Protein backbone atom coordinates (compact mmCIF):
# COMPACT_ATOMS: atom_id res chain seq x y z
CA MET A 1 76.75 109.51 21.93
CA ALA A 2 73.47 107.65 22.19
CA THR A 3 70.42 107.79 24.40
CA PRO A 4 71.00 105.55 27.40
CA SER A 5 69.05 102.58 28.55
CA GLN A 6 68.51 101.99 32.24
CA ILE A 7 71.41 99.51 32.30
CA GLN A 8 74.89 100.99 32.36
CA ALA A 9 76.92 99.58 29.45
CA PRO A 10 80.45 98.46 30.30
CA GLY A 11 82.99 101.19 29.50
CA GLN A 12 80.33 103.84 29.17
CA VAL A 13 79.08 106.60 31.45
CA VAL A 14 75.58 108.10 31.50
CA VAL A 15 75.89 111.88 31.39
CA ARG A 16 72.93 113.94 32.50
CA PHE A 17 72.80 117.56 31.38
CA LYS A 18 71.02 120.17 33.51
CA ALA A 19 70.53 123.75 32.32
CA ILE A 20 71.28 126.61 34.68
CA GLY A 21 69.79 130.10 34.47
CA ASN A 22 68.85 131.17 30.95
CA ALA A 23 70.67 128.32 29.16
CA PRO A 24 68.48 126.52 26.61
CA ILE A 25 66.91 123.31 27.86
CA MET A 26 67.52 120.13 25.87
CA LYS A 27 64.65 117.81 24.94
CA THR A 28 66.78 114.77 25.78
CA ASN A 29 69.24 115.30 28.61
CA TYR A 30 70.64 111.79 29.20
CA PHE A 31 73.43 110.51 26.94
CA ARG A 32 75.96 107.70 27.08
CA ILE A 33 79.61 108.44 26.37
CA THR A 34 82.66 106.21 26.35
CA ALA A 35 84.44 106.45 29.69
CA PHE A 36 87.84 106.91 27.99
CA ASN A 37 86.73 110.13 26.23
CA ARG A 38 88.11 113.40 27.54
CA PHE A 39 85.70 115.97 28.96
CA GLN A 40 86.51 118.07 25.90
CA ALA A 41 84.36 115.59 23.89
CA VAL A 42 81.41 116.39 26.23
CA ILE A 43 81.97 120.11 25.70
CA GLN A 44 82.01 119.71 21.89
CA PHE A 45 78.98 117.43 21.95
CA LEU A 46 76.96 119.90 24.03
CA ARG A 47 77.92 122.84 21.77
CA LYS A 48 76.71 120.84 18.78
CA GLU A 49 73.41 119.80 20.50
CA LEU A 50 72.69 123.41 21.47
CA ASN A 51 73.72 124.82 18.07
CA PHE A 52 76.21 127.10 19.72
CA LYS A 53 78.86 128.92 17.68
CA PRO A 54 82.49 128.76 18.85
CA SER A 55 82.15 132.38 20.02
CA ASP A 56 79.07 131.63 22.20
CA ALA A 57 79.82 131.43 25.93
CA LEU A 58 79.27 128.01 27.55
CA PHE A 59 80.22 127.04 31.06
CA LEU A 60 80.07 123.45 32.30
CA TYR A 61 80.16 122.25 35.91
CA ILE A 62 80.18 118.85 37.62
CA ASN A 63 77.50 118.51 40.35
CA ALA A 64 76.92 122.28 40.41
CA SER A 65 80.28 122.85 42.06
CA PHE A 66 83.41 122.95 39.80
CA SER A 67 84.48 123.14 36.22
CA PRO A 68 86.64 120.16 35.22
CA ALA A 69 89.72 120.41 33.02
CA PRO A 70 89.00 119.55 29.36
CA ASP A 71 91.64 116.76 29.51
CA ASP A 72 90.01 114.92 32.46
CA THR A 73 88.52 111.60 31.40
CA VAL A 74 84.79 111.10 31.68
CA GLY A 75 85.32 107.78 33.47
CA ASN A 76 87.52 109.32 36.14
CA LEU A 77 85.08 112.18 36.71
CA PHE A 78 82.24 109.59 37.06
CA ARG A 79 84.23 107.44 39.54
CA CYS A 80 84.97 110.48 41.68
CA PHE A 81 81.78 112.52 41.33
CA GLY A 82 79.09 110.22 39.91
CA THR A 83 75.64 110.56 41.47
CA GLU A 84 72.93 107.87 41.29
CA GLY A 85 74.63 106.19 38.33
CA HIS A 86 75.03 109.41 36.35
CA LEU A 87 77.61 112.09 35.82
CA ILE A 88 75.64 115.30 36.30
CA VAL A 89 76.86 118.14 34.09
CA ASN A 90 75.32 121.55 34.68
CA TYR A 91 75.65 124.06 31.83
CA SER A 92 75.14 127.79 31.60
CA THR A 93 75.70 130.70 29.30
CA THR A 94 77.17 132.76 32.16
CA ALA A 95 79.62 131.84 34.93
CA ALA A 96 77.72 130.28 37.84
CA TRP A 97 80.02 128.34 40.16
CA GLY A 98 83.64 127.47 40.36
């Protein structure tokens, strides 16, 4: 994943991460990911960026409302729930919505 430019690249989705509660805040929270990737790739990427261990709790939500299945594609989630040209992914260390 790379830091996005203002122009959406074909076949890519801009993912914006937003911390909830006591979750650590990222210095850079906009990233581009290939639309064909599964949401599991987003989960793995965020765990790596936050230096979380596999045993650390991490909850992800789309638009502060629901937790997508790991096998959903990023492009499909963006088409259905994209906001202002981004796919907003909220993350927390405790269950928040869903």
